[in-house]
N, C-alpha and C. Protein backbone atom coordinates (compact mmCIF):
# COMPACT_ATOMS: atom_id res chain seq x y z
N MET A 1 1.33 -1.16 0.24
CA MET A 1 0.43 -0.05 0.25
C MET A 1 0.35 1.24 -0.12
N GLU A 2 0.49 2.26 -0.94
CA GLU A 2 0.99 3.84 -0.65
C GLU A 2 0.40 4.46 0.51
N GLU A 3 1.26 5.51 0.41
CA GLU A 3 1.14 6.05 1.61
C GLU A 3 0.25 7.84 0.87
N SER A 4 -0.46 7.43 2.25
CA SER A 4 -1.06 9.16 1.66
C SER A 4 -0.06 10.77 1.62
N ALA A 5 -1.24 11.84 1.23
CA ALA A 5 -0.54 12.65 2.46
C ALA A 5 -0.73 13.24 3.49
N GLU A 6 -0.17 14.00 4.24
CA GLU A 6 -0.42 14.40 5.70
C GLU A 6 -2.14 15.03 5.49
N MET A 7 -2.88 14.18 6.11
CA MET A 7 -4.24 15.40 6.39
C MET A 7 -3.24 17.35 6.77
N GLY A 8 -2.54 17.12 7.45
CA GLY A 8 -2.25 18.79 7.83
C GLY A 8 -1.68 19.45 6.18
N SER A 9 -1.41 18.43 5.59
CA SER A 9 -0.88 19.13 3.85
C SER A 9 -2.81 20.06 3.31
N PRO A 10 -1.56 21.79 2.46
CA PRO A 10 -2.62 21.48 2.14
C PRO A 10 -3.99 21.64 1.39
N GLU A 11 -3.11 20.57 -0.27
CA GLU A 11 -3.68 20.03 -0.42
C GLU A 11 -4.49 19.09 -0.64
N VAL A 12 -4.79 18.60 1.20
CA VAL A 12 -5.26 17.26 1.34
C VAL A 12 -6.47 17.59 1.71
N TYR A 13 -7.95 17.54 1.50
CA TYR A 13 -9.09 18.06 2.21
C TYR A 13 -9.73 16.68 2.52
N ARG A 14 -10.22 16.50 3.53
CA ARG A 14 -11.09 15.23 4.20
C ARG A 14 -12.82 15.64 3.53
N VAL A 15 -13.57 14.88 2.83
CA VAL A 15 -14.43 15.05 2.71
C VAL A 15 -15.31 14.24 3.48
N TRP A 16 -14.79 13.34 4.20
CA TRP A 16 -15.87 12.78 5.52
C TRP A 16 -15.64 11.78 6.65
N ARG A 17 -15.30 11.18 7.24
CA ARG A 17 -14.85 10.27 8.37
C ARG A 17 -16.20 9.44 8.65
N LEU A 18 -16.17 7.73 8.09
CA LEU A 18 -17.13 7.37 9.06
C LEU A 18 -16.64 5.71 9.52
N ARG A 19 -17.49 5.65 11.20
CA ARG A 19 -16.61 4.60 12.33
C ARG A 19 -17.36 3.44 12.00
N LYS A 20 -17.30 2.15 12.07
CA LYS A 20 -17.80 1.03 12.34
C LYS A 20 -17.02 0.80 13.85
N GLN A 21 -17.42 0.10 15.04
CA GLN A 21 -16.92 -0.81 15.76
C GLN A 21 -14.94 0.02 16.02
N ASN A 22 -14.44 -0.20 15.75
CA ASN A 22 -13.56 -0.09 16.08
C ASN A 22 -12.61 0.54 14.90
N GLN A 23 -12.98 0.32 13.82
CA GLN A 23 -12.84 0.90 12.36
C GLN A 23 -13.18 1.98 12.12
N TYR A 24 -12.47 2.45 10.83
CA TYR A 24 -12.87 4.26 10.43
C TYR A 24 -12.62 3.95 8.65
N ILE A 25 -13.48 5.01 8.60
CA ILE A 25 -13.41 4.95 6.44
C ILE A 25 -12.51 6.14 6.68
N ASP A 26 -11.26 6.98 5.73
CA ASP A 26 -11.77 8.41 5.75
C ASP A 26 -12.10 8.35 3.86
N ALA A 27 -12.33 9.57 3.47
CA ALA A 27 -12.52 10.27 2.43
C ALA A 27 -11.89 11.39 1.84
N GLN A 28 -10.61 11.79 1.27
CA GLN A 28 -10.24 12.61 1.13
C GLN A 28 -10.22 12.85 -0.86
N ILE A 29 -9.99 14.05 -0.89
CA ILE A 29 -9.92 14.63 -2.45
C ILE A 29 -8.48 15.78 -1.99
N ARG A 30 -7.95 15.46 -3.51
CA ARG A 30 -6.34 16.88 -3.71
C ARG A 30 -6.12 17.12 -4.65
N ASP A 31 -6.27 18.44 -5.16
CA ASP A 31 -5.64 18.81 -6.31
C ASP A 31 -5.11 18.65 -7.08
N LEU A 32 -4.56 18.56 -8.42
CA LEU A 32 -3.79 17.83 -8.60
C LEU A 32 -2.84 19.01 -9.19
N GLY A 33 -3.07 19.93 -9.25
CA GLY A 33 -2.18 21.27 -9.50
C GLY A 33 -2.88 21.25 -10.67
N ASP A 34 -3.33 21.20 -11.31
CA ASP A 34 -4.37 22.89 -12.16
C ASP A 34 -5.59 21.95 -13.56
N GLU A 35 -6.24 22.52 -13.96
CA GLU A 35 -7.41 21.93 -13.81
C GLU A 35 -7.31 20.65 -14.88
N LYS A 36 -6.23 20.77 -15.71
CA LYS A 36 -5.63 19.25 -16.94
C LYS A 36 -5.74 18.29 -16.36
N ALA A 37 -5.06 18.41 -15.01
CA ALA A 37 -4.60 16.81 -13.49
C ALA A 37 -5.96 16.56 -13.25
N GLY A 38 -6.86 17.63 -12.69
CA GLY A 38 -7.45 16.25 -12.55
C GLY A 38 -7.61 16.45 -10.63
N VAL A 39 -8.65 15.54 -10.00
CA VAL A 39 -8.56 16.27 -8.55
C VAL A 39 -8.99 14.67 -8.09
N GLU A 40 -7.91 14.05 -7.02
CA GLU A 40 -7.67 12.57 -6.37
C GLU A 40 -8.55 12.85 -5.32
N ILE A 41 -9.09 11.41 -5.55
CA ILE A 41 -10.36 10.97 -4.21
C ILE A 41 -9.29 9.59 -3.69
N SER A 42 -9.49 9.76 -2.22
CA SER A 42 -8.76 8.76 -2.10
C SER A 42 -9.62 8.27 -0.76
N PHE A 43 -9.81 6.76 -0.59
CA PHE A 43 -10.24 6.38 0.74
C PHE A 43 -9.31 5.88 1.30
N LEU A 44 -9.41 6.35 2.61
CA LEU A 44 -8.34 5.04 3.67
C LEU A 44 -9.45 4.47 4.37
N TYR A 45 -8.29 3.46 4.61
CA TYR A 45 -9.11 2.44 5.74
C TYR A 45 -8.51 2.52 7.46
N ASN A 46 -8.65 2.90 8.04
CA ASN A 46 -7.59 3.59 9.24
C ASN A 46 -6.25 3.42 9.12
N GLY A 47 -6.13 5.04 7.98
CA GLY A 47 -4.96 5.41 7.82
C GLY A 47 -4.20 5.32 6.65
N GLU A 48 -4.89 4.06 6.05
CA GLU A 48 -3.84 2.94 4.54
C GLU A 48 -5.37 3.38 3.82
N LEU A 49 -4.26 3.52 2.37
CA LEU A 49 -4.40 3.79 0.90
C LEU A 49 -4.80 2.60 0.97
N SER A 50 -6.63 2.38 0.70
CA SER A 50 -7.67 1.48 0.12
C SER A 50 -8.22 1.32 -1.44
N TYR A 51 -8.17 2.68 -1.63
CA TYR A 51 -8.01 2.97 -3.19
C TYR A 51 -8.17 4.76 -3.44
N ARG A 52 -7.84 5.07 -4.64
CA ARG A 52 -7.71 6.03 -5.02
C ARG A 52 -7.74 6.10 -6.25
N HIS A 53 -8.35 7.67 -6.94
CA HIS A 53 -8.85 7.84 -8.43
C HIS A 53 -8.86 9.10 -8.72
N VAL A 54 -8.39 9.53 -10.39
CA VAL A 54 -8.34 10.68 -10.93
C VAL A 54 -9.57 10.97 -11.21
N CYS A 55 -10.69 11.67 -10.70
CA CYS A 55 -11.37 12.18 -11.65
C CYS A 55 -11.13 13.91 -12.24
N ALA A 56 -12.28 14.04 -13.67
CA ALA A 56 -11.88 15.47 -13.93
C ALA A 56 -11.93 16.40 -12.97
N THR A 57 -13.00 16.75 -12.00
CA THR A 57 -13.56 18.19 -11.40
C THR A 57 -13.61 17.80 -10.08
N ARG A 58 -13.44 18.43 -9.52
CA ARG A 58 -13.71 18.52 -7.81
C ARG A 58 -15.06 17.84 -7.18
N ASP A 59 -16.55 18.63 -8.81
CA ASP A 59 -17.82 18.19 -8.34
C ASP A 59 -17.68 16.39 -8.69
N ALA A 60 -17.10 16.18 -9.58
CA ALA A 60 -16.97 15.03 -9.52
C ALA A 60 -16.36 13.89 -8.40
N ALA A 61 -15.30 14.23 -7.88
CA ALA A 61 -14.74 13.62 -6.96
C ALA A 61 -15.34 13.78 -5.72
N ILE A 62 -16.48 14.59 -5.38
CA ILE A 62 -16.62 14.52 -4.00
C ILE A 62 -17.92 13.78 -4.53
N ALA A 63 -18.84 14.11 -5.63
CA ALA A 63 -19.66 13.16 -5.86
C ALA A 63 -19.54 11.71 -5.62
N GLU A 64 -18.28 11.42 -6.08
CA GLU A 64 -17.70 9.58 -5.81
C GLU A 64 -17.85 9.27 -4.11
N ALA A 65 -17.28 9.86 -4.00
CA ALA A 65 -17.00 10.26 -2.26
C ALA A 65 -18.81 9.97 -1.75
N GLY A 66 -19.25 10.39 -2.03
CA GLY A 66 -20.52 10.67 -1.60
C GLY A 66 -21.54 9.06 -1.94
N VAL A 67 -21.35 8.86 -2.66
CA VAL A 67 -21.67 7.20 -3.79
C VAL A 67 -20.86 6.33 -2.67
N LYS A 68 -19.76 6.18 -2.42
CA LYS A 68 -19.05 5.48 -1.83
C LYS A 68 -19.87 5.86 0.05
N ARG A 69 -20.59 6.65 0.12
CA ARG A 69 -20.85 7.00 1.48
C ARG A 69 -22.52 6.37 2.02
N VAL A 70 -23.19 7.09 0.93
CA VAL A 70 -24.52 5.81 0.72
C VAL A 70 -23.93 4.65 0.99
N GLU A 71 -22.92 3.68 0.11
CA GLU A 71 -23.12 2.38 0.42
C GLU A 71 -22.40 1.96 1.30
N LEU A 72 -21.57 2.35 2.45
CA LEU A 72 -20.91 1.86 2.85
C LEU A 72 -22.36 2.64 4.54
N GLU A 73 -23.20 3.27 4.15
CA GLU A 73 -23.76 3.76 5.76
C GLU A 73 -24.60 2.53 5.62
N ARG A 74 -25.28 2.34 4.33
CA ARG A 74 -25.96 0.95 3.83
C ARG A 74 -25.67 -0.44 4.86
N GLU A 75 -24.16 -0.56 4.73
CA GLU A 75 -23.54 -1.31 5.51
C GLU A 75 -23.24 -0.97 7.14
N GLY A 76 -23.76 0.13 7.78
CA GLY A 76 -23.64 -0.04 8.94
C GLY A 76 -22.70 1.16 9.32
N TRP A 77 -22.05 1.76 8.33
CA TRP A 77 -20.54 2.72 8.74
C TRP A 77 -21.76 3.93 9.06
N ILE A 78 -21.00 4.72 10.59
CA ILE A 78 -22.12 6.02 10.88
C ILE A 78 -20.85 7.43 10.57
N CYS A 79 -21.58 8.28 10.24
CA CYS A 79 -20.48 9.39 10.23
C CYS A 79 -19.92 9.57 11.49
N HIS A 80 -18.81 10.25 11.70
CA HIS A 80 -18.20 10.76 12.77
C HIS A 80 -16.74 11.62 11.84
N TRP A 81 -16.30 12.67 12.86
CA TRP A 81 -15.60 13.51 12.39
C TRP A 81 -14.55 14.01 12.98
């Protein structure tokens, strides 16, 4: 697994965090520098990178995070900030 950028880094923004028992999943977005490069959406399971995808726009990355959140909430994960 690859290491993620630090949350304190100015280019990484947490979209949400979900918890279930003693586990957590974060959705983070990161601008890749310019409009042509896109926006990266990353999902981290207990701090470890689980999935990463580059979207064309910030709105598309946030929408992808929303779809995943709905799926996880159906499985019993709850919002935790």
